[in-house]
Amino acid sequence: MYEQLDTTFSALAHPARRAILTQLRAGEANVTTLAEPYGMSLPAISRHLKVLEGAGLIARTVNGRFHRCRLVPEAANEAGDWLQNHRRFWTDRLDSLADYVDKLNKDSQGDNDE
């Protein structure tokens, strides 16, 4: 059930891969262009791209020796949904805690008025 989610988060764990995804938000790019900002060798950037491809976050088109990559935003939906559910849970929990602390503070102030 969580295998794809694990793969997605693993792919997102590396800062260079997150930066590559950010680059691809602007549109399709070739591998050389993706490598330039990081001073990475083509084999190094290729390894990162393979991880992103394996997670389904990017798609690669090969035309002879030229490789072009594009973002596949739908692939991050499961991770986004998981994060949103946890955000809601923690927001609700923290709101409940804040209400409880407010109640304690009011009760404490009530004791001081007497």
PDB file of N, CA and C in Angstrom:
ATOM      1  N   MET A   1       0.812  -1.192   0.000  1.00  0.00           N
ATOM      2  CA  MET A   1       0.000   0.000   0.000  1.00  0.00           C
ATOM      3  C   MET A   1       0.861   1.264   0.000  1.00  0.00           C
ATOM      4  N   TYR A   2       1.910   1.273   0.806  1.00  0.00           N
ATOM      5  CA  TYR A   2       2.744   2.469   0.925  1.00  0.00           C
ATOM      6  C   TYR A   2       4.001   2.400   0.061  1.00  0.00           C
ATOM      7  N   GLU A   3       4.132   1.385  -0.759  1.00  0.00           N
ATOM      8  CA  GLU A   3       5.359   1.216  -1.542  1.00  0.00           C
ATOM      9  C   GLU A   3       5.614   2.417  -2.449  1.00  0.00           C
ATOM     10  N   GLN A   4       4.589   2.892  -3.169  1.00  0.00           N
ATOM     11  CA  GLN A   4       4.764   4.040  -4.054  1.00  0.00           C
ATOM     12  C   GLN A   4       5.055   5.307  -3.246  1.00  0.00           C
ATOM     13  N   LEU A   5       4.392   5.431  -2.113  1.00  0.00           N
ATOM     14  CA  LEU A   5       4.627   6.585  -1.239  1.00  0.00           C
ATOM     15  C   LEU A   5       6.076   6.595  -0.745  1.00  0.00           C
ATOM     16  N   ASP A   6       6.577   5.435  -0.353  1.00  0.00           N
ATOM     17  CA  ASP A   6       7.975   5.316   0.082  1.00  0.00           C
ATOM     18  C   ASP A   6       8.929   5.695  -1.045  1.00  0.00           C
ATOM     19  N   THR A   7       8.634   5.224  -2.247  1.00  0.00           N
ATOM     20  CA  THR A   7       9.478   5.521  -3.403  1.00  0.00           C
ATOM     21  C   THR A   7       9.485   7.016  -3.697  1.00  0.00           C
ATOM     22  N   THR A   8       8.321   7.639  -3.613  1.00  0.00           N
ATOM     23  CA  THR A   8       8.214   9.081  -3.873  1.00  0.00           C
ATOM     24  C   THR A   8       9.005   9.874  -2.845  1.00  0.00           C
ATOM     25  N   PHE A   9       8.795   9.587  -1.569  1.00  0.00           N
ATOM     26  CA  PHE A   9       9.509  10.329  -0.528  1.00  0.00           C
ATOM     27  C   PHE A   9      11.013  10.077  -0.590  1.00  0.00           C
ATOM     28  N   SER A  10      11.400   8.869  -0.938  1.00  0.00           N
ATOM     29  CA  SER A  10      12.823   8.571  -1.093  1.00  0.00           C
ATOM     30  C   SER A  10      13.420   9.405  -2.218  1.00  0.00           C
ATOM     31  N   ALA A  11      12.692   9.510  -3.322  1.00  0.00           N
ATOM     32  CA  ALA A  11      13.173  10.312  -4.452  1.00  0.00           C
ATOM     33  C   ALA A  11      13.274  11.786  -4.070  1.00  0.00           C
ATOM     34  N   LEU A  12      12.346  12.249  -3.250  1.00  0.00           N
ATOM     35  CA  LEU A  12      12.334  13.658  -2.837  1.00  0.00           C
ATOM     36  C   LEU A  12      13.337  13.966  -1.723  1.00  0.00           C
ATOM     37  N   ALA A  13      13.954  12.943  -1.176  1.00  0.00           N
ATOM     38  CA  ALA A  13      14.850  13.128  -0.034  1.00  0.00           C
ATOM     39  C   ALA A  13      16.144  13.865  -0.393  1.00  0.00           C
ATOM     40  N   HIS A  14      16.537  13.814  -1.646  1.00  0.00           N
ATOM     41  CA  HIS A  14      17.802  14.433  -2.048  1.00  0.00           C
ATOM     42  C   HIS A  14      17.556  15.842  -2.582  1.00  0.00           C
ATOM     43  N   PRO A  15      18.313  16.837  -2.082  1.00  0.00           N
ATOM     44  CA  PRO A  15      18.084  18.224  -2.513  1.00  0.00           C
ATOM     45  C   PRO A  15      18.274  18.453  -4.011  1.00  0.00           C
ATOM     46  N   ALA A  16      19.194  17.754  -4.641  1.00  0.00           N
ATOM     47  CA  ALA A  16      19.401  17.926  -6.085  1.00  0.00           C
ATOM     48  C   ALA A  16      18.174  17.449  -6.859  1.00  0.00           C
ATOM     49  N   ARG A  17      17.564  16.355  -6.403  1.00  0.00           N
ATOM     50  CA  ARG A  17      16.378  15.851  -7.096  1.00  0.00           C
ATOM     51  C   ARG A  17      15.201  16.798  -6.921  1.00  0.00           C
ATOM     52  N   ARG A  18      15.062  17.388  -5.734  1.00  0.00           N
ATOM     53  CA  ARG A  18      13.994  18.381  -5.544  1.00  0.00           C
ATOM     54  C   ARG A  18      14.237  19.594  -6.437  1.00  0.00           C
ATOM     55  N   ALA A  19      15.497  20.003  -6.561  1.00  0.00           N
ATOM     56  CA  ALA A  19      15.837  21.147  -7.407  1.00  0.00           C
ATOM     57  C   ALA A  19      15.563  20.828  -8.882  1.00  0.00           C
ATOM     58  N   ILE A  20      15.837  19.614  -9.297  1.00  0.00           N
ATOM     59  CA  ILE A  20      15.552  19.204 -10.672  1.00  0.00           C
ATOM     60  C   ILE A  20      14.050  19.307 -10.941  1.00  0.00           C
ATOM     61  N   LEU A  21      13.248  18.851 -10.001  1.00  0.00           N
ATOM     62  CA  LEU A  21      11.799  18.951 -10.166  1.00  0.00           C
ATOM     63  C   LEU A  21      11.369  20.411 -10.273  1.00  0.00           C
ATOM     64  N   THR A  22      11.997  21.262  -9.494  1.00  0.00           N
ATOM     65  CA  THR A  22      11.690  22.693  -9.562  1.00  0.00           C
ATOM     66  C   THR A  22      12.051  23.243 -10.936  1.00  0.00           C
ATOM     67  N   GLN A  23      13.210  22.849 -11.461  1.00  0.00           N
ATOM     68  CA  GLN A  23      13.605  23.271 -12.812  1.00  0.00           C
ATOM     69  C   GLN A  23      12.571  22.843 -13.845  1.00  0.00           C
ATOM     70  N   LEU A  24      12.083  21.612 -13.705  1.00  0.00           N
ATOM     71  CA  LEU A  24      11.168  21.068 -14.695  1.00  0.00           C
ATOM     72  C   LEU A  24       9.768  21.680 -14.618  1.00  0.00           C
ATOM     73  N   ARG A  25       9.489  22.418 -13.551  1.00  0.00           N
ATOM     74  CA  ARG A  25       8.205  23.125 -13.490  1.00  0.00           C
ATOM     75  C   ARG A  25       8.109  24.156 -14.609  1.00  0.00           C
ATOM     76  N   ALA A  26       9.250  24.663 -15.054  1.00  0.00           N
ATOM     77  CA  ALA A  26       9.273  25.649 -16.141  1.00  0.00           C
ATOM     78  C   ALA A  26       9.054  24.995 -17.505  1.00  0.00           C
ATOM     79  N   GLY A  27       9.164  23.696 -17.578  1.00  0.00           N
ATOM     80  CA  GLY A  27       8.964  22.993 -18.844  1.00  0.00           C
ATOM     81  C   GLY A  27      10.016  21.940 -19.070  1.00  0.00           C
ATOM     82  N   GLU A  28       9.871  21.246 -20.170  1.00  0.00           N
ATOM     83  CA  GLU A  28      10.780  20.177 -20.559  1.00  0.00           C
ATOM     84  C   GLU A  28      12.215  20.699 -20.647  1.00  0.00           C
ATOM     85  N   ALA A  29      13.182  19.828 -20.326  1.00  0.00           N
ATOM     86  CA  ALA A  29      14.593  20.215 -20.417  1.00  0.00           C
ATOM     87  C   ALA A  29      15.429  18.999 -20.770  1.00  0.00           C
ATOM     88  N   ASN A  30      16.569  19.262 -21.413  1.00  0.00           N
ATOM     89  CA  ASN A  30      17.463  18.145 -21.709  1.00  0.00           C
ATOM     90  C   ASN A  30      18.376  17.885 -20.502  1.00  0.00           C
ATOM     91  N   VAL A  31      18.991  16.743 -20.506  1.00  0.00           N
ATOM     92  CA  VAL A  31      19.796  16.304 -19.367  1.00  0.00           C
ATOM     93  C   VAL A  31      20.962  17.254 -19.114  1.00  0.00           C
ATOM     94  N   THR A  32      21.606  17.728 -20.168  1.00  0.00           N
ATOM     95  CA  THR A  32      22.737  18.646 -20.005  1.00  0.00           C
ATOM     96  C   THR A  32      22.298  19.928 -19.305  1.00  0.00           C
ATOM     97  N   THR A  33      21.158  20.463 -19.700  1.00  0.00           N
ATOM     98  CA  THR A  33      20.630  21.674 -19.074  1.00  0.00           C
ATOM     99  C   THR A  33      20.309  21.435 -17.609  1.00  0.00           C
ATOM    100  N   LEU A  34      19.770  20.270 -17.299  1.00  0.00           N
ATOM    101  CA  LEU A  34      19.442  19.947 -15.912  1.00  0.00           C
ATOM    102  C   LEU A  34      20.702  19.817 -15.055  1.00  0.00           C
ATOM    103  N   ALA A  35      21.786  19.354 -15.633  1.00  0.00           N
ATOM    104  CA  ALA A  35      23.029  19.140 -14.890  1.00  0.00           C
ATOM    105  C   ALA A  35      23.775  20.445 -14.607  1.00  0.00           C
ATOM    106  N   GLU A  36      23.643  21.436 -15.490  1.00  0.00           N
ATOM    107  CA  GLU A  36      24.454  22.662 -15.415  1.00  0.00           C
ATOM    108  C   GLU A  36      24.471  23.353 -14.047  1.00  0.00           C
ATOM    109  N   PRO A  37      23.331  23.606 -13.417  1.00  0.00           N
ATOM    110  CA  PRO A  37      23.371  24.370 -12.161  1.00  0.00           C
ATOM    111  C   PRO A  37      24.129  23.673 -11.024  1.00  0.00           C
ATOM    112  N   TYR A  38      24.334  22.386 -11.131  1.00  0.00           N
ATOM    113  CA  TYR A  38      24.920  21.624 -10.025  1.00  0.00           C
ATOM    114  C   TYR A  38      26.363  21.232 -10.283  1.00  0.00           C
ATOM    115  N   GLY A  39      26.865  21.492 -11.479  1.00  0.00           N
ATOM    116  CA  GLY A  39      28.222  21.084 -11.805  1.00  0.00           C
ATOM    117  C   GLY A  39      28.384  19.577 -11.732  1.00  0.00           C
ATOM    118  N   MET A  40      27.310  18.854 -11.986  1.00  0.00           N
ATOM    119  CA  MET A  40      27.355  17.385 -11.934  1.00  0.00           C
ATOM    120  C   MET A  40      27.772  16.828 -13.287  1.00  0.00           C
ATOM    121  N   SER A  41      28.384  15.686 -13.229  1.00  0.00           N
ATOM    122  CA  SER A  41      28.686  14.971 -14.469  1.00  0.00           C
ATOM    123  C   SER A  41      27.383  14.411 -15.032  1.00  0.00           C
ATOM    124  N   LEU A  42      27.389  14.087 -16.312  1.00  0.00           N
ATOM    125  CA  LEU A  42      26.195  13.499 -16.910  1.00  0.00           C
ATOM    126  C   LEU A  42      25.823  12.154 -16.277  1.00  0.00           C
ATOM    127  N   PRO A  43      26.803  11.301 -15.934  1.00  0.00           N
ATOM    128  CA  PRO A  43      26.426  10.061 -15.248  1.00  0.00           C
ATOM    129  C   PRO A  43      25.777  10.331 -13.875  1.00  0.00           C
ATOM    130  N   ALA A  44      26.254  11.336 -13.156  1.00  0.00           N
ATOM    131  CA  ALA A  44      25.680  11.642 -11.839  1.00  0.00           C
ATOM    132  C   ALA A  44      24.249  12.144 -11.978  1.00  0.00           C
ATOM    133  N   ILE A  45      24.024  13.069 -12.915  1.00  0.00           N
ATOM    134  CA  ILE A  45      22.662  13.582 -13.101  1.00  0.00           C
ATOM    135  C   ILE A  45      21.752  12.475 -13.609  1.00  0.00           C
ATOM    136  N   SER A  46      22.290  11.587 -14.429  1.00  0.00           N
ATOM    137  CA  SER A  46      21.492  10.458 -14.930  1.00  0.00           C
ATOM    138  C   SER A  46      21.020   9.558 -13.799  1.00  0.00           C
ATOM    139  N   ARG A  47      21.872   9.348 -12.807  1.00  0.00           N
ATOM    140  CA  ARG A  47      21.466   8.523 -11.658  1.00  0.00           C
ATOM    141  C   ARG A  47      20.298   9.186 -10.925  1.00  0.00           C
ATOM    142  N   HIS A  48      20.376  10.500 -10.734  1.00  0.00           N
ATOM    143  CA  HIS A  48      19.271  11.212 -10.075  1.00  0.00           C
ATOM    144  C   HIS A  48      17.998  11.133 -10.915  1.00  0.00           C
ATOM    145  N   LEU A  49      18.136  11.276 -12.215  1.00  0.00           N
ATOM    146  CA  LEU A  49      16.976  11.217 -13.091  1.00  0.00           C
ATOM    147  C   LEU A  49      16.336   9.835 -13.076  1.00  0.00           C
ATOM    148  N   LYS A  50      17.154   8.793 -12.983  1.00  0.00           N
ATOM    149  CA  LYS A  50      16.617   7.429 -12.915  1.00  0.00           C
ATOM    150  C   LYS A  50      15.780   7.237 -11.651  1.00  0.00           C
ATOM    151  N   VAL A  51      16.236   7.820 -10.541  1.00  0.00           N
ATOM    152  CA  VAL A  51      15.468   7.731  -9.291  1.00  0.00           C
ATOM    153  C   VAL A  51      14.129   8.455  -9.454  1.00  0.00           C
ATOM    154  N   LEU A  52      14.172   9.654 -10.030  1.00  0.00           N
ATOM    155  CA  LEU A  52      12.933  10.415 -10.243  1.00  0.00           C
ATOM    156  C   LEU A  52      11.996   9.695 -11.216  1.00  0.00           C
ATOM    157  N   GLU A  53      12.573   9.093 -12.235  1.00  0.00           N
ATOM    158  CA  GLU A  53      11.782   8.306 -13.189  1.00  0.00           C
ATOM    159  C   GLU A  53      11.159   7.095 -12.510  1.00  0.00           C
ATOM    160  N   GLY A  54      11.947   6.412 -11.698  1.00  0.00           N
ATOM    161  CA  GLY A  54      11.450   5.238 -10.985  1.00  0.00           C
ATOM    162  C   GLY A  54      10.288   5.559 -10.058  1.00  0.00           C
ATOM    163  N   ALA A  55      10.288   6.780  -9.530  1.00  0.00           N
ATOM    164  CA  ALA A  55       9.194   7.215  -8.660  1.00  0.00           C
ATOM    165  C   ALA A  55       8.015   7.740  -9.476  1.00  0.00           C
ATOM    166  N   GLY A  56       8.202   7.825 -10.794  1.00  0.00           N
ATOM    167  CA  GLY A  56       7.139   8.318 -11.652  1.00  0.00           C
ATOM    168  C   GLY A  56       6.989   9.828 -11.647  1.00  0.00           C
ATOM    169  N   LEU A  57       7.957  10.535 -11.060  1.00  0.00           N
ATOM    170  CA  LEU A  57       7.867  11.991 -10.945  1.00  0.00           C
ATOM    171  C   LEU A  57       8.267  12.715 -12.221  1.00  0.00           C
ATOM    172  N   ILE A  58       9.055  12.042 -13.065  1.00  0.00           N
ATOM    173  CA  ILE A  58       9.418  12.613 -14.364  1.00  0.00           C
ATOM    174  C   ILE A  58       9.268  11.543 -15.428  1.00  0.00           C
ATOM    175  N   ALA A  59       9.190  11.996 -16.661  1.00  0.00           N
ATOM    176  CA  ALA A  59       9.198  11.095 -17.820  1.00  0.00           C
ATOM    177  C   ALA A  59      10.315  11.564 -18.735  1.00  0.00           C
ATOM    178  N   ARG A  60      10.958  10.609 -19.371  1.00  0.00           N
ATOM    179  CA  ARG A  60      12.079  10.927 -20.247  1.00  0.00           C
ATOM    180  C   ARG A  60      11.750  10.489 -21.666  1.00  0.00           C
ATOM    181  N   THR A  61      12.062  11.368 -22.613  1.00  0.00           N
ATOM    182  CA  THR A  61      11.906  11.058 -24.036  1.00  0.00           C
ATOM    183  C   THR A  61      13.301  10.967 -24.630  1.00  0.00           C
ATOM    184  N   VAL A  62      13.562   9.898 -25.345  1.00  0.00           N
ATOM    185  CA  VAL A  62      14.881   9.696 -25.948  1.00  0.00           C
ATOM    186  C   VAL A  62      14.738   9.799 -27.454  1.00  0.00           C
ATOM    187  N   ASN A  63      15.563  10.665 -28.027  1.00  0.00           N
ATOM    188  CA  ASN A  63      15.610  10.828 -29.485  1.00  0.00           C
ATOM    189  C   ASN A  63      17.081  10.747 -29.875  1.00  0.00           C
ATOM    190  N   GLY A  64      17.519   9.562 -30.240  1.00  0.00           N
ATOM    191  CA  GLY A  64      18.937   9.351 -30.528  1.00  0.00           C
ATOM    192  C   GLY A  64      19.738   9.486 -29.239  1.00  0.00           C
ATOM    193  N   ARG A  65      20.699  10.401 -29.242  1.00  0.00           N
ATOM    194  CA  ARG A  65      21.517  10.629 -28.044  1.00  0.00           C
ATOM    195  C   ARG A  65      20.917  11.684 -27.134  1.00  0.00           C
ATOM    196  N   PHE A  66      19.839  12.312 -27.564  1.00  0.00           N
ATOM    197  CA  PHE A  66      19.255  13.408 -26.795  1.00  0.00           C
ATOM    198  C   PHE A  66      18.133  12.909 -25.887  1.00  0.00           C
ATOM    199  N   HIS A  67      18.273  13.211 -24.618  1.00  0.00           N
ATOM    200  CA  HIS A  67      17.282  12.833 -23.616  1.00  0.00           C
ATOM    201  C   HIS A  67      16.626  14.111 -23.105  1.00  0.00           C
ATOM    202  N   ARG A  68      15.310  14.153 -23.162  1.00  0.00           N
ATOM    203  CA  ARG A  68      14.555  15.289 -22.637  1.00  0.00           C
ATOM    204  C   ARG A  68      13.672  14.779 -21.507  1.00  0.00           C
ATOM    205  N   CYS A  69      13.579  15.579 -20.471  1.00  0.00           N
ATOM    206  CA  CYS A  69      12.781  15.193 -19.309  1.00  0.00           C
ATOM    207  C   CYS A  69      11.644  16.171 -19.118  1.00  0.00           C
ATOM    208  N   ARG A  70      10.549  15.652 -18.592  1.00  0.00           N
ATOM    209  CA  ARG A  70       9.423  16.511 -18.252  1.00  0.00           C
ATOM    210  C   ARG A  70       8.842  16.051 -16.916  1.00  0.00           C
ATOM    211  N   LEU A  71       8.240  16.968 -16.232  1.00  0.00           N
ATOM    212  CA  LEU A  71       7.617  16.708 -14.943  1.00  0.00           C
ATOM    213  C   LEU A  71       6.317  15.936 -15.146  1.00  0.00           C
ATOM    214  N   VAL A  72       6.030  15.023 -14.235  1.00  0.00           N
ATOM    215  CA  VAL A  72       4.751  14.307 -14.211  1.00  0.00           C
ATOM    216  C   VAL A  72       4.100  14.651 -12.869  1.00  0.00           C
ATOM    217  N   PRO A  73       3.412  15.792 -12.793  1.00  0.00           N
ATOM    218  CA  PRO A  73       2.918  16.270 -11.500  1.00  0.00           C
ATOM    219  C   PRO A  73       1.909  15.344 -10.831  1.00  0.00           C
ATOM    220  N   GLU A  74       1.135  14.596 -11.621  1.00  0.00           N
ATOM    221  CA  GLU A  74       0.140  13.693 -11.034  1.00  0.00           C
ATOM    222  C   GLU A  74       0.786  12.644 -10.133  1.00  0.00           C
ATOM    223  N   ALA A  75       2.035  12.318 -10.398  1.00  0.00           N
ATOM    224  CA  ALA A  75       2.720  11.277  -9.630  1.00  0.00           C
ATOM    225  C   ALA A  75       2.887  11.668  -8.165  1.00  0.00           C
ATOM    226  N   ALA A  76       2.870  12.942  -7.867  1.00  0.00           N
ATOM    227  CA  ALA A  76       3.051  13.397  -6.484  1.00  0.00           C
ATOM    228  C   ALA A  76       1.722  13.491  -5.738  1.00  0.00           C
ATOM    229  N   ASN A  77       0.612  13.177  -6.393  1.00  0.00           N
ATOM    230  CA  ASN A  77      -0.701  13.313  -5.747  1.00  0.00           C
ATOM    231  C   ASN A  77      -0.833  12.474  -4.485  1.00  0.00           C
ATOM    232  N   GLU A  78      -0.379  11.225  -4.532  1.00  0.00           N
ATOM    233  CA  GLU A  78      -0.500  10.349  -3.363  1.00  0.00           C
ATOM    234  C   GLU A  78       0.275  10.926  -2.178  1.00  0.00           C
ATOM    235  N   ALA A  79       1.489  11.414  -2.439  1.00  0.00           N
ATOM    236  CA  ALA A  79       2.293  12.012  -1.364  1.00  0.00           C
ATOM    237  C   ALA A  79       1.616  13.283  -0.851  1.00  0.00           C
ATOM    238  N   GLY A  80       1.071  14.084  -1.754  1.00  0.00           N
ATOM    239  CA  GLY A  80       0.369  15.302  -1.354  1.00  0.00           C
ATOM    240  C   GLY A  80      -0.846  14.997  -0.502  1.00  0.00           C
ATOM    241  N   ASP A  81      -1.598  13.980  -0.891  1.00  0.00           N
ATOM    242  CA  ASP A  81      -2.774  13.580  -0.105  1.00  0.00           C
ATOM    243  C   ASP A  81      -2.364  13.105   1.279  1.00  0.00           C
ATOM    244  N   TRP A  82      -1.309  12.318   1.345  1.00  0.00           N
ATOM    245  CA  TRP A  82      -0.824  11.808   2.632  1.00  0.00           C
ATOM    246  C   TRP A  82      -0.407  12.970   3.533  1.00  0.00           C
ATOM    247  N   LEU A  83       0.335  13.914   2.965  1.00  0.00           N
ATOM    248  CA  LEU A  83       0.767  15.076   3.745  1.00  0.00           C
ATOM    249  C   LEU A  83      -0.421  15.915   4.207  1.00  0.00           C
ATOM    250  N   GLN A  84      -1.398  16.099   3.324  1.00  0.00           N
ATOM    251  CA  GLN A  84      -2.578  16.894   3.677  1.00  0.00           C
ATOM    252  C   GLN A  84      -3.350  16.251   4.829  1.00  0.00           C
ATOM    253  N   ASN A  85      -3.499  14.932   4.794  1.00  0.00           N
ATOM    254  CA  ASN A  85      -4.192  14.228   5.886  1.00  0.00           C
ATOM    255  C   ASN A  85      -3.455  14.412   7.206  1.00  0.00           C
ATOM    256  N   HIS A  86      -2.149  14.329   7.179  1.00  0.00           N
ATOM    257  CA  HIS A  86      -1.377  14.503   8.408  1.00  0.00           C
ATOM    258  C   HIS A  86      -1.388  15.959   8.862  1.00  0.00           C
ATOM    259  N   ARG A  87      -1.372  16.875   7.923  1.00  0.00           N
ATOM    260  CA  ARG A  87      -1.459  18.295   8.273  1.00  0.00           C
ATOM    261  C   ARG A  87      -2.779  18.564   8.990  1.00  0.00           C
ATOM    262  N   ARG A  88      -3.878  18.033   8.447  1.00  0.00           N
ATOM    263  CA  ARG A  88      -5.192  18.212   9.084  1.00  0.00           C
ATOM    264  C   ARG A  88      -5.200  17.629  10.495  1.00  0.00           C
ATOM    265  N   PHE A  89      -4.654  16.418  10.639  1.00  0.00           N
ATOM    266  CA  PHE A  89      -4.605  15.771  11.952  1.00  0.00           C
ATOM    267  C   PHE A  89      -3.870  16.644  12.953  1.00  0.00           C
ATOM    268  N   TRP A  90      -2.657  17.101  12.582  1.00  0.00           N
ATOM    269  CA  TRP A  90      -1.855  17.880  13.524  1.00  0.00           C
ATOM    270  C   TRP A  90      -2.439  19.265  13.772  1.00  0.00           C
ATOM    271  N   THR A  91      -3.054  19.851  12.777  1.00  0.00           N
ATOM    272  CA  THR A  91      -3.710  21.144  12.977  1.00  0.00           C
ATOM    273  C   THR A  91      -4.850  20.993  13.985  1.00  0.00           C
ATOM    274  N   ASP A  92      -5.651  19.948  13.825  1.00  0.00           N
ATOM    275  CA  ASP A  92      -6.742  19.692  14.773  1.00  0.00           C
ATOM    276  C   ASP A  92      -6.212  19.452  16.181  1.00  0.00           C
ATOM    277  N   ARG A  93      -5.144  18.672  16.271  1.00  0.00           N
ATOM    278  CA  ARG A  93      -4.559  18.379  17.588  1.00  0.00           C
ATOM    279  C   ARG A  93      -4.018  19.646  18.254  1.00  0.00           C
ATOM    280  N   LEU A  94      -3.323  20.458  17.482  1.00  0.00           N
ATOM    281  CA  LEU A  94      -2.763  21.694  18.032  1.00  0.00           C
ATOM    282  C   LEU A  94      -3.856  22.695  18.389  1.00  0.00           C
ATOM    283  N   ASP A  95      -4.924  22.742  17.602  1.00  0.00           N
ATOM    284  CA  ASP A  95      -6.065  23.602  17.944  1.00  0.00           C
ATOM    285  C   ASP A  95      -6.693  23.158  19.258  1.00  0.00           C
ATOM    286  N   SER A  96      -6.835  21.848  19.439  1.00  0.00           N
ATOM    287  CA  SER A  96      -7.388  21.317  20.696  1.00  0.00           C
ATOM    288  C   SER A  96      -6.490  21.669  21.873  1.00  0.00           C
ATOM    289  N   LEU A  97      -5.184  21.563  21.674  1.00  0.00           N
ATOM    290  CA  LEU A  97      -4.236  21.910  22.730  1.00  0.00           C
ATOM    291  C   LEU A  97      -4.338  23.395  23.073  1.00  0.00           C
ATOM    292  N   ALA A  98      -4.437  24.245  22.061  1.00  0.00           N
ATOM    293  CA  ALA A  98      -4.562  25.686  22.295  1.00  0.00           C
ATOM    294  C   ALA A  98      -5.842  25.987  23.068  1.00  0.00           C
ATOM    295  N   ASP A  99      -6.943  25.335  22.719  1.00  0.00           N
ATOM    296  CA  ASP A  99      -8.205  25.526  23.448  1.00  0.00           C
ATOM    297  C   ASP A  99      -8.048  25.104  24.900  1.00  0.00           C
ATOM    298  N   TYR A 100      -7.376  23.991  25.130  1.00  0.00           N
ATOM    299  CA  TYR A 100      -7.164  23.491  26.484  1.00  0.00           C
ATOM    300  C   TYR A 100      -6.306  24.460  27.298  1.00  0.00           C
ATOM    301  N   VAL A 101      -5.245  24.970  26.705  1.00  0.00           N
ATOM    302  CA  VAL A 101      -4.376  25.935  27.396  1.00  0.00           C
ATOM    303  C   VAL A 101      -5.152  27.214  27.706  1.00  0.00           C
ATOM    304  N   ASP A 102      -5.964  27.687  26.768  1.00  0.00           N
ATOM    305  CA  ASP A 102      -6.802  28.863  27.021  1.00  0.00           C
ATOM    306  C   ASP A 102      -7.739  28.624  28.192  1.00  0.00           C
ATOM    307  N   LYS A 103      -8.347  27.437  28.227  1.00  0.00           N
ATOM    308  CA  LYS A 103      -9.263  27.099  29.324  1.00  0.00           C
ATOM    309  C   LYS A 103      -8.506  27.087  30.648  1.00  0.00           C
ATOM    310  N   LEU A 104      -7.318  26.497  30.664  1.00  0.00           N
ATOM    311  CA  LEU A 104      -6.518  26.473  31.895  1.00  0.00           C
ATOM    312  C   LEU A 104      -6.169  27.881  32.345  1.00  0.00           C
ATOM    313  N   ASN A 105      -5.796  28.730  31.388  1.00  0.00           N
ATOM    314  CA  ASN A 105      -5.461  30.116  31.725  1.00  0.00           C
ATOM    315  C   ASN A 105      -6.669  30.856  32.289  1.00  0.00           C
ATOM    316  N   LYS A 106      -7.846  30.657  31.727  1.00  0.00           N
ATOM    317  CA  LYS A 106      -9.057  31.305  32.220  1.00  0.00           C
ATOM    318  C   LYS A 106      -9.408  30.807  33.614  1.00  0.00           C
ATOM    319  N   ASP A 107      -9.294  29.471  33.809  1.00  0.00           N
ATOM    320  CA  ASP A 107      -9.576  28.902  35.120  1.00  0.00           C
ATOM    321  C   ASP A 107      -8.599  29.441  36.156  1.00  0.00           C
ATOM    322  N   SER A 108      -7.333  29.572  35.758  1.00  0.00           N
ATOM    323  CA  SER A 108      -6.297  30.085  36.652  1.00  0.00           C
ATOM    324  C   SER A 108      -6.574  31.538  37.010  1.00  0.00           C
ATOM    325  N   GLN A 109      -7.015  32.321  36.062  1.00  0.00           N
ATOM    326  CA  GLN A 109      -7.331  33.733  36.315  1.00  0.00           C
ATOM    327  C   GLN A 109      -8.560  33.847  37.198  1.00  0.00           C
ATOM    328  N   GLY A 110      -9.504  32.936  37.029  1.00  0.00           N
ATOM    329  CA  GLY A 110     -10.714  32.918  37.860  1.00  0.00           C
ATOM    330  C   GLY A 110     -10.370  32.658  39.311  1.00  0.00           C
ATOM    331  N   ASP A 111      -9.367  31.783  39.554  1.00  0.00           N
ATOM    332  CA  ASP A 111      -8.937  31.484  40.932  1.00  0.00           C
ATOM    333  C   ASP A 111      -8.285  32.709  41.551  1.00  0.00           C
ATOM    334  N   ASN A 112      -7.608  33.540  40.780  1.00  0.00           N
ATOM    335  CA  ASN A 112      -6.936  34.729  41.299  1.00  0.00           C
ATOM    336  C   ASN A 112      -7.907  35.846  41.618  1.00  0.00           C
ATOM    337  N   ASP A 113      -9.101  35.847  41.006  1.00  0.00           N
ATOM    338  CA  ASP A 113     -10.094  36.897  41.240  1.00  0.00           C
ATOM    339  C   ASP A 113     -10.750  36.761  42.588  1.00  0.00           C
ATOM    340  N   GLU A 114     -10.741  35.608  43.167  1.00  0.00           N
ATOM    341  CA  GLU A 114     -11.432  35.381  44.432  1.00  0.00           C
ATOM    342  C   GLU A 114     -10.697  35.886  45.596  1.00  0.00           C
TER     343      GLU A 114
END
